[in-house]
Amino acid sequence: MAAIKTILGLLIAVVLGVVGFAYSGLYNVAADDPHFGVTR
């Protein structure tokens, strides 16, 4: 039972970390930035 709680806790922490990173503004998740010159 302790292993399940540990895995569930880690999973929740990872999900919260990913969501927090996306909302922090460090990674541009919008589609309004121009692409590289080769792909235009």
Protein backbone atom coordinates (compact mmCIF):
# COMPACT_ATOMS: atom_id res chain seq x y z
CA MET A 1 0.00 0.00 0.00
CA ALA A 2 2.87 2.38 0.70
CA ALA A 3 4.23 1.84 -2.81
CA ILE A 4 0.88 2.77 -4.36
CA LYS A 5 0.72 5.97 -2.30
CA THR A 6 4.27 6.84 -3.30
CA ILE A 7 3.62 6.28 -7.00
CA LEU A 8 0.35 8.22 -6.85
CA GLY A 9 2.07 11.09 -5.05
CA LEU A 10 4.85 11.21 -7.62
CA LEU A 11 2.36 11.13 -10.46
CA ILE A 12 0.40 14.02 -8.98
CA ALA A 13 3.62 15.98 -8.42
CA VAL A 14 4.71 15.45 -12.04
CA VAL A 15 1.32 16.51 -13.41
CA LEU A 16 1.29 19.63 -11.24
CA GLY A 17 4.87 20.40 -12.29
CA VAL A 18 4.06 20.12 -15.99
CA VAL A 19 0.93 22.26 -15.65
CA GLY A 20 2.83 24.80 -13.58
CA PHE A 21 5.63 24.94 -16.13
CA ALA A 22 3.17 25.46 -18.99
CA TYR A 23 1.36 28.27 -17.15
CA SER A 24 4.58 29.91 -15.94
CA GLY A 25 5.29 31.40 -19.36
CA LEU A 26 8.74 29.83 -19.67
CA TYR A 27 7.49 27.66 -22.54
CA ASN A 28 5.44 29.23 -25.33
CA VAL A 29 2.38 27.04 -25.79
CA ALA A 30 0.62 29.53 -28.09
CA ALA A 31 0.62 29.17 -31.86
CA ASP A 32 1.27 32.83 -32.60
CA ASP A 33 5.07 32.75 -32.80
CA PRO A 34 6.58 32.68 -36.31
CA HIS A 35 8.27 29.46 -37.34
CA PHE A 36 11.84 29.05 -38.47
CA GLY A 37 12.77 30.55 -41.83
CA VAL A 38 12.97 27.15 -43.50
CA THR A 39 9.38 26.25 -42.60
CA ARG A 40 7.74 29.51 -43.71
